[in-house]
């Protein structure tokens, strides 16, 4: 019997799942190789795609038109995911109407827990495809009815435990808010003022950090964010007579000071690095911004701040050389 005929006979079984189909197809391919008729991996995958169950046919065109050649391991992962989503959303559960296809809830899964149990596991049913293992899930969505329906459907196939409202995920505390704060009624005004404040940081380094923080919410500002912007404006109005002191000095040395906190941002746990560079007694360059990566220690955050300050020092030193301005001694960091 050829591989194609064997797989067609295999796929006619109504209870055939992807895992079993792929395992048997691999066994048939190995038998052909032993008999001296080696089957290419791409041909092996194409044979499998031809005999998939009807509920998996929708994904076949996508897999056939992809630019990267199909690999057995890739095909297995894609088909398992697609089969699971079909079972989770397409098959109704007794007592609960299936969620509308136009508004499916989003689901975030947390760490697995092999000791968890559910009514389905206690009744002797093991999670299909999970080897009987339990799992913990943090379902999140904007529709409580659809989340409940999804949990019930998952419980029919897997041994899971609902941990309830999300409190912590990957070490980050989640504080639920009904709407994330009352939205500001004029976001265009907020964006206009936020953009203007960016120019103020060129001469007012003391507001660089607060302005940068306010501008992170231009896509959807709330009333709390607007109050923050108004506080910046009040500060600037009261300190408009203050400024940077620039004095004449014969001392032409470059000095840089840098600092960084550790996970100062509660939203993404990224550190904030800052530096200030002086030419003699005059401040000529400064920065205060969040680092692009999450630092695992205060030492790493400090070194990242030093690297940013060193980069700016090198740029300024090169600029002064082009201007034929002599710096007294090497830069000090």
C-alpha atoms as a PDB file:
ATOM      1  CA  UNK A   1       0.000   0.000   0.000  1.00  0.00           C
ATOM      2  CA  UNK A   2       1.359   3.449  -0.932  1.00  0.00           C
ATOM      3  CA  UNK A   3       1.794   6.185   1.659  1.00  0.00           C
ATOM      4  CA  UNK A   4      -1.049   8.237   0.168  1.00  0.00           C
ATOM      5  CA  UNK A   5      -3.530   5.333   0.308  1.00  0.00           C
ATOM      6  CA  UNK A   6      -2.476   4.419   3.822  1.00  0.00           C
ATOM      7  CA  UNK A   7      -3.015   7.979   5.007  1.00  0.00           C
ATOM      8  CA  UNK A   8      -6.402   8.192   3.283  1.00  0.00           C
ATOM      9  CA  UNK A   9      -7.481   5.045   5.090  1.00  0.00           C
ATOM     10  CA  UNK A  10      -6.165   6.523   8.322  1.00  0.00           C
ATOM     11  CA  UNK A  11      -8.013   9.846   7.910  1.00  0.00           C
ATOM     12  CA  UNK A  12     -11.400   8.206   7.382  1.00  0.00           C
ATOM     13  CA  UNK A  13     -11.667   7.517  11.108  1.00  0.00           C
ATOM     14  CA  UNK A  14     -13.895  10.138  12.739  1.00  0.00           C
ATOM     15  CA  UNK A  15     -11.923  10.231  15.999  1.00  0.00           C
ATOM     16  CA  UNK A  16      -8.528  10.730  14.367  1.00  0.00           C
ATOM     17  CA  UNK A  17      -6.645  13.665  15.905  1.00  0.00           C
ATOM     18  CA  UNK A  18      -3.627  15.505  14.550  1.00  0.00           C
ATOM     19  CA  UNK A  19      -1.204  13.924  16.994  1.00  0.00           C
ATOM     20  CA  UNK A  20      -2.188  10.379  16.037  1.00  0.00           C
ATOM     21  CA  UNK A  21      -2.308  11.207  12.328  1.00  0.00           C
ATOM     22  CA  UNK A  22       1.160  12.744  12.315  1.00  0.00           C
ATOM     23  CA  UNK A  23       2.619   9.910  14.369  1.00  0.00           C
ATOM     24  CA  UNK A  24       1.285   7.232  12.062  1.00  0.00           C
ATOM     25  CA  UNK A  25       2.275   9.195   8.968  1.00  0.00           C
ATOM     26  CA  UNK A  26       5.806   9.455  10.322  1.00  0.00           C
ATOM     27  CA  UNK A  27       5.842   5.721  10.955  1.00  0.00           C
ATOM     28  CA  UNK A  28       4.738   5.021   7.362  1.00  0.00           C
ATOM     29  CA  UNK A  29       7.420   7.402   6.055  1.00  0.00           C
ATOM     30  CA  UNK A  30      10.046   5.557   8.103  1.00  0.00           C
ATOM     31  CA  UNK A  31       8.831   2.245   6.683  1.00  0.00           C
ATOM     32  CA  UNK A  32       9.253   3.598   3.152  1.00  0.00           C
ATOM     33  CA  UNK A  33      12.771   4.785   3.996  1.00  0.00           C
ATOM     34  CA  UNK A  34      13.609   1.329   5.347  1.00  0.00           C
ATOM     35  CA  UNK A  35      12.332  -0.195   2.100  1.00  0.00           C
ATOM     36  CA  UNK A  36      14.663   2.060   0.121  1.00  0.00           C
ATOM     37  CA  UNK A  37      12.110   4.666  -1.001  1.00  0.00           C
ATOM     38  CA  UNK A  38      13.017   7.808   0.936  1.00  0.00           C
ATOM     39  CA  UNK A  39      10.304  10.476   1.055  1.00  0.00           C
ATOM     40  CA  UNK A  40      11.281  14.156   1.147  1.00  0.00           C
ATOM     41  CA  UNK A  41      10.080  16.114   4.158  1.00  0.00           C
ATOM     42  CA  UNK A  42       8.061  18.536   2.021  1.00  0.00           C
ATOM     43  CA  UNK A  43       6.374  15.623   0.184  1.00  0.00           C
ATOM     44  CA  UNK A  44       5.679  14.026   3.542  1.00  0.00           C
ATOM     45  CA  UNK A  45       3.899  17.198   4.706  1.00  0.00           C
ATOM     46  CA  UNK A  46       1.945  17.525   1.444  1.00  0.00           C
ATOM     47  CA  UNK A  47       0.622  13.973   1.809  1.00  0.00           C
ATOM     48  CA  UNK A  48      -0.586  14.820   5.311  1.00  0.00           C
ATOM     49  CA  UNK A  49      -2.310  18.019   4.158  1.00  0.00           C
ATOM     50  CA  UNK A  50      -4.236  16.085   1.489  1.00  0.00           C
ATOM     51  CA  UNK A  51      -5.885  13.772   4.019  1.00  0.00           C
ATOM     52  CA  UNK A  52      -6.742  16.163   6.845  1.00  0.00           C
ATOM     53  CA  UNK A  53     -10.221  16.148   8.322  1.00  0.00           C
ATOM     54  CA  UNK A  54     -12.719  18.549   6.775  1.00  0.00           C
ATOM     55  CA  UNK A  55     -12.690  20.889   9.790  1.00  0.00           C
ATOM     56  CA  UNK A  56      -8.954  21.489   9.197  1.00  0.00           C
ATOM     57  CA  UNK A  57      -9.177  22.225   5.455  1.00  0.00           C
ATOM     58  CA  UNK A  58      -9.373  26.015   5.926  1.00  0.00           C
ATOM     59  CA  UNK A  59      -5.730  26.241   6.957  1.00  0.00           C
ATOM     60  CA  UNK A  60      -4.386  24.165   4.029  1.00  0.00           C
ATOM     61  CA  UNK A  61      -4.212  27.045   1.454  1.00  0.00           C
ATOM     62  CA  UNK A  62      -2.238  29.173   3.919  1.00  0.00           C
ATOM     63  CA  UNK A  63       0.281  26.409   4.526  1.00  0.00           C
ATOM     64  CA  UNK A  64       0.677  25.650   0.820  1.00  0.00           C
ATOM     65  CA  UNK A  65       1.337  29.288  -0.153  1.00  0.00           C
ATOM     66  CA  UNK A  66       3.891  30.136   2.556  1.00  0.00           C
ATOM     67  CA  UNK A  67       7.327  31.154   1.301  1.00  0.00           C
ATOM     68  CA  UNK A  68       9.296  28.959   3.715  1.00  0.00           C
ATOM     69  CA  UNK A  69       9.205  25.214   2.895  1.00  0.00           C
ATOM     70  CA  UNK A  70       7.098  23.134   5.248  1.00  0.00           C
ATOM     71  CA  UNK A  71       8.909  21.192   7.943  1.00  0.00           C
ATOM     72  CA  UNK A  72       7.410  18.308   9.879  1.00  0.00           C
ATOM     73  CA  UNK A  73       7.875  19.978  13.275  1.00  0.00           C
ATOM     74  CA  UNK A  74       6.365  23.265  12.030  1.00  0.00           C
ATOM     75  CA  UNK A  75       3.378  21.493  10.510  1.00  0.00           C
ATOM     76  CA  UNK A  76       2.725  19.570  13.713  1.00  0.00           C
ATOM     77  CA  UNK A  77       2.677  22.739  15.826  1.00  0.00           C
ATOM     78  CA  UNK A  78       0.422  24.654  13.416  1.00  0.00           C
ATOM     79  CA  UNK A  79      -2.095  21.834  13.059  1.00  0.00           C
ATOM     80  CA  UNK A  80      -2.245  21.222  16.811  1.00  0.00           C
ATOM     81  CA  UNK A  81      -2.940  24.896  17.479  1.00  0.00           C
ATOM     82  CA  UNK A  82      -5.582  25.080  14.769  1.00  0.00           C
ATOM     83  CA  UNK A  83      -7.244  21.875  15.966  1.00  0.00           C
ATOM     84  CA  UNK A  84      -7.360  23.181  19.538  1.00  0.00           C
ATOM     85  CA  UNK A  85      -8.919  26.500  18.473  1.00  0.00           C
ATOM     86  CA  UNK A  86     -11.540  24.628  16.428  1.00  0.00           C
ATOM     87  CA  UNK A  87     -12.458  22.518  19.435  1.00  0.00           C
ATOM     88  CA  UNK A  88     -12.497  25.495  21.807  1.00  0.00           C
ATOM     89  CA  UNK A  89     -14.671  27.824  19.722  1.00  0.00           C
ATOM     90  CA  UNK A  90     -16.598  25.726  17.193  1.00  0.00           C
ATOM     91  CA  UNK A  91     -18.135  23.019  19.363  1.00  0.00           C
ATOM     92  CA  UNK A  92     -21.024  24.158  21.664  1.00  0.00           C
ATOM     93  CA  UNK A  93     -21.125  23.102  25.297  1.00  0.00           C
ATOM     94  CA  UNK A  94     -24.360  21.894  26.903  1.00  0.00           C
ATOM     95  CA  UNK A  95     -26.151  24.632  28.818  1.00  0.00           C
ATOM     96  CA  UNK A  96     -24.100  27.502  27.332  1.00  0.00           C
ATOM     97  CA  UNK A  97     -24.552  29.108  23.941  1.00  0.00           C
ATOM     98  CA  UNK A  98     -21.381  29.336  21.836  1.00  0.00           C
ATOM     99  CA  UNK A  99     -19.811  32.803  21.736  1.00  0.00           C
ATOM    100  CA  UNK A 100     -20.433  34.872  18.584  1.00  0.00           C
ATOM    101  CA  UNK A 101     -17.704  34.454  15.995  1.00  0.00           C
ATOM    102  CA  UNK A 102     -17.425  38.219  15.517  1.00  0.00           C
ATOM    103  CA  UNK A 103     -16.391  38.946  19.077  1.00  0.00           C
ATOM    104  CA  UNK A 104     -14.168  36.277  20.533  1.00  0.00           C
ATOM    105  CA  UNK A 105     -12.564  36.920  23.916  1.00  0.00           C
ATOM    106  CA  UNK A 106      -8.830  37.120  24.310  1.00  0.00           C
ATOM    107  CA  UNK A 107      -7.134  34.609  26.571  1.00  0.00           C
ATOM    108  CA  UNK A 108      -3.806  34.885  28.377  1.00  0.00           C
ATOM    109  CA  UNK A 109      -2.442  31.638  29.796  1.00  0.00           C
ATOM    110  CA  UNK A 110      -0.163  31.532  32.807  1.00  0.00           C
ATOM    111  CA  UNK A 111       2.095  28.819  34.200  1.00  0.00           C
ATOM    112  CA  UNK A 112       1.127  25.125  34.167  1.00  0.00           C
ATOM    113  CA  UNK A 113       0.332  23.350  37.423  1.00  0.00           C
ATOM    114  CA  UNK A 114       0.361  19.561  37.274  1.00  0.00           C
ATOM    115  CA  UNK A 115      -1.421  19.265  40.619  1.00  0.00           C
ATOM    116  CA  UNK A 116      -4.568  21.120  39.525  1.00  0.00           C
ATOM    117  CA  UNK A 117      -7.813  19.238  39.145  1.00  0.00           C
ATOM    118  CA  UNK A 118     -11.241  19.966  37.752  1.00  0.00           C
ATOM    119  CA  UNK A 119     -14.632  18.238  37.671  1.00  0.00           C
ATOM    120  CA  UNK A 120     -13.746  16.700  34.320  1.00  0.00           C
ATOM    121  CA  UNK A 121     -10.567  15.117  35.689  1.00  0.00           C
ATOM    122  CA  UNK A 122     -12.305  13.902  38.849  1.00  0.00           C
ATOM    123  CA  UNK A 123     -14.884  12.094  36.742  1.00  0.00           C
ATOM    124  CA  UNK A 124     -12.144  10.083  35.049  1.00  0.00           C
ATOM    125  CA  UNK A 125     -11.650  12.270  31.954  1.00  0.00           C
ATOM    126  CA  UNK A 126      -8.100  13.289  31.163  1.00  0.00           C
ATOM    127  CA  UNK A 127      -7.192  16.291  29.065  1.00  0.00           C
ATOM    128  CA  UNK A 128      -6.961  15.183  25.439  1.00  0.00           C
ATOM    129  CA  UNK A 129      -3.523  16.039  24.086  1.00  0.00           C
ATOM    130  CA  UNK A 130      -2.230  16.898  27.581  1.00  0.00           C
ATOM    131  CA  UNK A 131      -1.583  13.414  28.860  1.00  0.00           C
ATOM    132  CA  UNK A 132      -3.918  13.993  31.809  1.00  0.00           C
ATOM    133  CA  UNK A 133      -1.963  16.955  33.140  1.00  0.00           C
ATOM    134  CA  UNK A 134      -3.729  19.938  34.656  1.00  0.00           C
ATOM    135  CA  UNK A 135      -3.164  23.560  33.794  1.00  0.00           C
ATOM    136  CA  UNK A 136      -3.786  26.958  35.325  1.00  0.00           C
ATOM    137  CA  UNK A 137      -5.265  29.676  33.169  1.00  0.00           C
ATOM    138  CA  UNK A 138      -5.833  33.413  33.545  1.00  0.00           C
ATOM    139  CA  UNK A 139      -8.659  34.104  31.056  1.00  0.00           C
ATOM    140  CA  UNK A 140      -9.027  37.806  30.320  1.00  0.00           C
ATOM    141  CA  UNK A 141     -11.536  39.591  28.108  1.00  0.00           C
ATOM    142  CA  UNK A 142     -14.128  42.333  27.878  1.00  0.00           C
ATOM    143  CA  UNK A 143     -17.086  39.926  27.958  1.00  0.00           C
ATOM    144  CA  UNK A 144     -17.585  37.905  31.147  1.00  0.00           C
ATOM    145  CA  UNK A 145     -20.174  35.671  29.461  1.00  0.00           C
ATOM    146  CA  UNK A 146     -17.771  34.675  26.684  1.00  0.00           C
ATOM    147  CA  UNK A 147     -14.933  34.112  29.151  1.00  0.00           C
ATOM    148  CA  UNK A 148     -17.189  31.801  31.167  1.00  0.00           C
ATOM    149  CA  UNK A 149     -18.191  29.943  28.012  1.00  0.00           C
ATOM    150  CA  UNK A 150     -14.546  29.493  27.000  1.00  0.00           C
ATOM    151  CA  UNK A 151     -13.553  28.199  30.455  1.00  0.00           C
ATOM    152  CA  UNK A 152     -16.390  25.673  30.358  1.00  0.00           C
ATOM    153  CA  UNK A 153     -15.360  24.449  26.915  1.00  0.00           C
ATOM    154  CA  UNK A 154     -11.734  24.097  27.951  1.00  0.00           C
ATOM    155  CA  UNK A 155     -12.817  22.141  31.029  1.00  0.00           C
ATOM    156  CA  UNK A 156     -14.490  19.537  28.798  1.00  0.00           C
ATOM    157  CA  UNK A 157     -11.161  18.766  27.122  1.00  0.00           C
ATOM    158  CA  UNK A 158      -8.490  19.603  29.708  1.00  0.00           C
ATOM    159  CA  UNK A 159      -7.969  19.451  33.439  1.00  0.00           C
ATOM    160  CA  UNK A 160      -7.754  23.133  34.344  1.00  0.00           C
ATOM    161  CA  UNK A 161      -8.206  25.395  37.334  1.00  0.00           C
ATOM    162  CA  UNK A 162      -9.559  28.927  37.075  1.00  0.00           C
ATOM    163  CA  UNK A 163      -7.439  31.268  39.214  1.00  0.00           C
ATOM    164  CA  UNK A 164     -10.053  34.011  39.142  1.00  0.00           C
ATOM    165  CA  UNK A 165      -9.262  37.705  38.553  1.00  0.00           C
ATOM    166  CA  UNK A 166      -5.732  38.436  37.395  1.00  0.00           C
ATOM    167  CA  UNK A 167      -3.558  39.785  40.204  1.00  0.00           C
ATOM    168  CA  UNK A 168       0.031  39.006  39.165  1.00  0.00           C
ATOM    169  CA  UNK A 169       1.403  37.801  35.832  1.00  0.00           C
ATOM    170  CA  UNK A 170       5.107  37.160  35.135  1.00  0.00           C
ATOM    171  CA  UNK A 171       5.985  39.110  38.277  1.00  0.00           C
ATOM    172  CA  UNK A 172       3.968  42.177  37.241  1.00  0.00           C
ATOM    173  CA  UNK A 173       1.061  43.307  39.382  1.00  0.00           C
ATOM    174  CA  UNK A 174      -2.186  43.858  37.473  1.00  0.00           C
ATOM    175  CA  UNK A 175      -4.535  46.445  38.997  1.00  0.00           C
ATOM    176  CA  UNK A 176      -7.950  46.261  37.297  1.00  0.00           C
ATOM    177  CA  UNK A 177      -9.649  49.531  36.410  1.00  0.00           C
ATOM    178  CA  UNK A 178     -13.120  49.707  34.847  1.00  0.00           C
ATOM    179  CA  UNK A 179     -12.162  51.934  31.927  1.00  0.00           C
ATOM    180  CA  UNK A 180      -8.558  52.807  32.719  1.00  0.00           C
ATOM    181  CA  UNK A 181      -9.730  56.243  33.880  1.00  0.00           C
ATOM    182  CA  UNK A 182     -12.184  58.731  32.408  1.00  0.00           C
ATOM    183  CA  UNK A 183     -11.090  59.615  28.842  1.00  0.00           C
ATOM    184  CA  UNK A 184     -10.118  63.186  28.097  1.00  0.00           C
ATOM    185  CA  UNK A 185     -12.739  64.842  25.892  1.00  0.00           C
ATOM    186  CA  UNK A 186     -10.240  66.698  23.664  1.00  0.00           C
ATOM    187  CA  UNK A 187      -7.292  64.406  22.817  1.00  0.00           C
ATOM    188  CA  UNK A 188      -6.199  66.741  19.989  1.00  0.00           C
ATOM    189  CA  UNK A 189      -5.550  69.498  22.522  1.00  0.00           C
ATOM    190  CA  UNK A 190      -3.608  67.053  24.700  1.00  0.00           C
ATOM    191  CA  UNK A 191      -1.399  66.010  21.772  1.00  0.00           C
ATOM    192  CA  UNK A 192      -0.800  69.609  20.729  1.00  0.00           C
ATOM    193  CA  UNK A 193       0.308  70.693  24.198  1.00  0.00           C
ATOM    194  CA  UNK A 194       2.364  67.524  24.661  1.00  0.00           C
ATOM    195  CA  UNK A 195       4.206  68.176  21.405  1.00  0.00           C
ATOM    196  CA  UNK A 196       4.911  71.787  22.414  1.00  0.00           C
ATOM    197  CA  UNK A 197       6.246  70.658  25.785  1.00  0.00           C
ATOM    198  CA  UNK A 198       8.784  68.487  23.989  1.00  0.00           C
ATOM    199  CA  UNK A 199      10.463  71.672  22.765  1.00  0.00           C
ATOM    200  CA  UNK A 200      10.528  73.037  26.328  1.00  0.00           C
ATOM    201  CA  UNK A 201      12.823  70.205  27.362  1.00  0.00           C
ATOM    202  CA  UNK A 202      15.565  71.737  25.176  1.00  0.00           C
ATOM    203  CA  UNK A 203      15.964  74.578  27.666  1.00  0.00           C
ATOM    204  CA  UNK A 204      14.247  73.081  30.745  1.00  0.00           C
ATOM    205  CA  UNK A 205      15.933  69.784  31.562  1.00  0.00           C
ATOM    206  CA  UNK A 206      14.129  69.669  34.911  1.00  0.00           C
ATOM    207  CA  UNK A 207      10.860  68.730  33.163  1.00  0.00           C
ATOM    208  CA  UNK A 208      12.365  66.323  30.617  1.00  0.00           C
ATOM    209  CA  UNK A 209      11.292  63.204  32.468  1.00  0.00           C
ATOM    210  CA  UNK A 210       7.753  64.334  33.353  1.00  0.00           C
ATOM    211  CA  UNK A 211       7.092  65.561  29.804  1.00  0.00           C
ATOM    212  CA  UNK A 212       8.348  62.275  28.367  1.00  0.00           C
ATOM    213  CA  UNK A 213       6.029  60.384  30.710  1.00  0.00           C
ATOM    214  CA  UNK A 214       3.020  62.521  29.762  1.00  0.00           C
ATOM    215  CA  UNK A 215       3.690  62.010  26.039  1.00  0.00           C
ATOM    216  CA  UNK A 216       3.483  58.227  26.398  1.00  0.00           C
ATOM    217  CA  UNK A 217      -0.331  58.470  26.586  1.00  0.00           C
ATOM    218  CA  UNK A 218      -1.056  60.622  23.550  1.00  0.00           C
ATOM    219  CA  UNK A 219      -2.972  57.789  21.839  1.00  0.00           C
ATOM    220  CA  UNK A 220      -5.666  57.687  24.540  1.00  0.00           C
ATOM    221  CA  UNK A 221      -5.254  60.377  27.217  1.00  0.00           C
ATOM    222  CA  UNK A 222      -7.436  60.338  30.321  1.00  0.00           C
ATOM    223  CA  UNK A 223      -8.440  63.073  32.749  1.00  0.00           C
ATOM    224  CA  UNK A 224      -5.627  61.983  35.086  1.00  0.00           C
ATOM    225  CA  UNK A 225      -3.101  62.471  32.283  1.00  0.00           C
ATOM    226  CA  UNK A 226      -4.561  65.900  31.517  1.00  0.00           C
ATOM    227  CA  UNK A 227      -4.194  66.865  35.197  1.00  0.00           C
ATOM    228  CA  UNK A 228      -0.555  65.809  34.972  1.00  0.00           C
ATOM    229  CA  UNK A 229      -0.010  68.059  31.933  1.00  0.00           C
ATOM    230  CA  UNK A 230      -1.681  71.017  33.642  1.00  0.00           C
ATOM    231  CA  UNK A 231       0.609  70.537  36.623  1.00  0.00           C
ATOM    232  CA  UNK A 232       3.621  70.775  34.314  1.00  0.00           C
ATOM    233  CA  UNK A 233       2.226  73.986  32.804  1.00  0.00           C
ATOM    234  CA  UNK A 234       1.710  75.505  36.263  1.00  0.00           C
ATOM    235  CA  UNK A 235       5.280  74.610  37.206  1.00  0.00           C
ATOM    236  CA  UNK A 236       6.649  76.224  34.050  1.00  0.00           C
ATOM    237  CA  UNK A 237       4.597  79.374  34.659  1.00  0.00           C
ATOM    238  CA  UNK A 238       5.908  79.749  38.205  1.00  0.00           C
ATOM    239  CA  UNK A 239       9.519  79.056  37.192  1.00  0.00           C
ATOM    240  CA  UNK A 240       9.660  81.034  33.943  1.00  0.00           C
ATOM    241  CA  UNK A 241      12.198  83.428  35.483  1.00  0.00           C
ATOM    242  CA  UNK A 242      14.558  80.525  36.169  1.00  0.00           C
ATOM    243  CA  UNK A 243      17.029  79.346  33.583  1.00  0.00           C
ATOM    244  CA  UNK A 244      20.391  77.821  32.834  1.00  0.00           C
ATOM    245  CA  UNK A 245      23.377  79.886  33.904  1.00  0.00           C
ATOM    246  CA  UNK A 246      25.917  80.184  31.098  1.00  0.00           C
ATOM    247  CA  UNK A 247      29.068  81.977  32.129  1.00  0.00           C
ATOM    248  CA  UNK A 248      32.346  82.754  30.481  1.00  0.00           C
ATOM    249  CA  UNK A 249      35.102  80.448  31.639  1.00  0.00           C
ATOM    250  CA  UNK A 250      38.608  79.555  30.525  1.00  0.00           C
ATOM    251  CA  UNK A 251      38.087  76.003  31.755  1.00  0.00           C
ATOM    252  CA  UNK A 252      37.299  73.812  28.706  1.00  0.00           C
ATOM    253  CA  UNK A 253      36.899  70.329  30.123  1.00  0.00           C
ATOM    254  CA  UNK A 254      34.124  67.862  29.410  1.00  0.00           C
ATOM    255  CA  UNK A 255      32.513  66.268  32.459  1.00  0.00           C
ATOM    256  CA  UNK A 256      29.595  63.828  32.451  1.00  0.00           C
ATOM    257  CA  UNK A 257      27.405  62.625  35.310  1.00  0.00           C
ATOM    258  CA  UNK A 258      25.047  59.665  34.919  1.00  0.00           C
ATOM    259  CA  UNK A 259      22.549  57.841  37.087  1.00  0.00           C
ATOM    260  CA  UNK A 260      19.839  55.192  36.725  1.00  0.00           C
ATOM    261  CA  UNK A 261      17.149  53.661  38.876  1.00  0.00           C
ATOM    262  CA  UNK A 262      16.030  50.019  38.871  1.00  0.00           C
ATOM    263  CA  UNK A 263      12.601  49.171  37.442  1.00  0.00           C
ATOM    264  CA  UNK A 264      11.335  52.663  38.160  1.00  0.00           C
ATOM    265  CA  UNK A 265       8.386  52.308  35.781  1.00  0.00           C
ATOM    266  CA  UNK A 266       5.517  50.370  37.336  1.00  0.00           C
ATOM    267  CA  UNK A 267       3.941  49.765  33.916  1.00  0.00           C
ATOM    268  CA  UNK A 268       6.768  47.848  32.205  1.00  0.00           C
ATOM    269  CA  UNK A 269       9.513  47.560  34.904  1.00  0.00           C
ATOM    270  CA  UNK A 270      12.045  49.359  32.740  1.00  0.00           C
ATOM    271  CA  UNK A 271      14.696  51.531  34.350  1.00  0.00           C
ATOM    272  CA  UNK A 272      15.165  55.231  33.728  1.00  0.00           C
ATOM    273  CA  UNK A 273      18.647  56.458  32.852  1.00  0.00           C
ATOM    274  CA  UNK A 274      19.831  60.047  32.890  1.00  0.00           C
ATOM    275  CA  UNK A 275      23.007  61.991  32.265  1.00  0.00           C
ATOM    276  CA  UNK A 276      24.215  65.586  32.338  1.00  0.00           C
ATOM    277  CA  UNK A 277      27.326  66.809  30.506  1.00  0.00           C
ATOM    278  CA  UNK A 278      29.173  70.016  31.381  1.00  0.00           C
ATOM    279  CA  UNK A 279      31.657  72.042  29.372  1.00  0.00           C
ATOM    280  CA  UNK A 280      33.530  73.722  32.149  1.00  0.00           C
ATOM    281  CA  UNK A 281      30.843  75.066  34.528  1.00  0.00           C
ATOM    282  CA  UNK A 282      28.127  75.163  31.844  1.00  0.00           C
ATOM    283  CA  UNK A 283      25.561  72.435  31.215  1.00  0.00           C
ATOM    284  CA  UNK A 284      25.482  71.708  27.468  1.00  0.00           C
ATOM    285  CA  UNK A 285      23.758  68.319  27.101  1.00  0.00           C
ATOM    286  CA  UNK A 286      21.325  66.260  29.163  1.00  0.00           C
ATOM    287  CA  UNK A 287      18.889  63.387  28.865  1.00  0.00           C
ATOM    288  CA  UNK A 288      16.368  61.500  30.992  1.00  0.00           C
ATOM    289  CA  UNK A 289      14.600  58.570  29.374  1.00  0.00           C
ATOM    290  CA  UNK A 290      13.551  54.976  29.953  1.00  0.00           C
ATOM    291  CA  UNK A 291      16.006  52.315  28.891  1.00  0.00           C
ATOM    292  CA  UNK A 292      15.011  50.118  25.960  1.00  0.00           C
ATOM    293  CA  UNK A 293      15.520  46.829  27.823  1.00  0.00           C
ATOM    294  CA  UNK A 294      14.547  45.573  31.280  1.00  0.00           C
ATOM    295  CA  UNK A 295      17.549  45.483  33.606  1.00  0.00           C
ATOM    296  CA  UNK A 296      17.787  42.480  35.909  1.00  0.00           C
ATOM    297  CA  UNK A 297      19.987  44.263  38.429  1.00  0.00           C
ATOM    298  CA  UNK A 298      20.882  47.790  39.489  1.00  0.00           C
ATOM    299  CA  UNK A 299      24.429  47.204  38.206  1.00  0.00           C
ATOM    300  CA  UNK A 300      23.169  46.492  34.698  1.00  0.00           C
ATOM    301  CA  UNK A 301      20.946  49.595  34.784  1.00  0.00           C
ATOM    302  CA  UNK A 302      23.883  51.742  35.940  1.00  0.00           C
ATOM    303  CA  UNK A 303      26.191  50.373  33.234  1.00  0.00           C
ATOM    304  CA  UNK A 304      23.540  51.073  30.597  1.00  0.00           C
ATOM    305  CA  UNK A 305      23.344  54.663  31.864  1.00  0.00           C
ATOM    306  CA  UNK A 306      27.144  54.929  31.666  1.00  0.00           C
ATOM    307  CA  UNK A 307      27.097  53.602  28.105  1.00  0.00           C
ATOM    308  CA  UNK A 308      24.544  56.239  27.031  1.00  0.00           C
ATOM    309  CA  UNK A 309      26.578  59.020  28.662  1.00  0.00           C
ATOM    310  CA  UNK A 310      29.784  57.737  27.024  1.00  0.00           C
ATOM    311  CA  UNK A 311      28.109  57.740  23.616  1.00  0.00           C
ATOM    312  CA  UNK A 312      27.092  61.375  24.043  1.00  0.00           C
ATOM    313  CA  UNK A 313      30.586  62.305  25.272  1.00  0.00           C
ATOM    314  CA  UNK A 314      32.173  60.782  22.178  1.00  0.00           C
ATOM    315  CA  UNK A 315      29.706  62.626  19.934  1.00  0.00           C
ATOM    316  CA  UNK A 316      30.440  65.976  21.581  1.00  0.00           C
ATOM    317  CA  UNK A 317      34.192  65.388  21.473  1.00  0.00           C
ATOM    318  CA  UNK A 318      33.979  64.659  17.740  1.00  0.00           C
ATOM    319  CA  UNK A 319      31.843  67.781  17.219  1.00  0.00           C
ATOM    320  CA  UNK A 320      34.359  70.009  18.986  1.00  0.00           C
ATOM    321  CA  UNK A 321      37.184  68.561  16.906  1.00  0.00           C
ATOM    322  CA  UNK A 322      35.307  69.458  13.711  1.00  0.00           C
ATOM    323  CA  UNK A 323      34.817  72.993  15.074  1.00  0.00           C
ATOM    324  CA  UNK A 324      38.545  73.182  15.929  1.00  0.00           C
ATOM    325  CA  UNK A 325      37.646  73.747  19.573  1.00  0.00           C
ATOM    326  CA  UNK A 326      40.336  72.318  21.815  1.00  0.00           C
ATOM    327  CA  UNK A 327      39.242  70.325  24.881  1.00  0.00           C
ATOM    328  CA  UNK A 328      41.551  70.469  27.885  1.00  0.00           C
ATOM    329  CA  UNK A 329      42.374  66.883  28.730  1.00  0.00           C
ATOM    330  CA  UNK A 330      40.315  63.739  28.211  1.00  0.00           C
ATOM    331  CA  UNK A 331      36.598  63.740  29.032  1.00  0.00           C
ATOM    332  CA  UNK A 332      35.698  62.781  32.586  1.00  0.00           C
ATOM    333  CA  UNK A 333      32.820  60.385  33.265  1.00  0.00           C
END
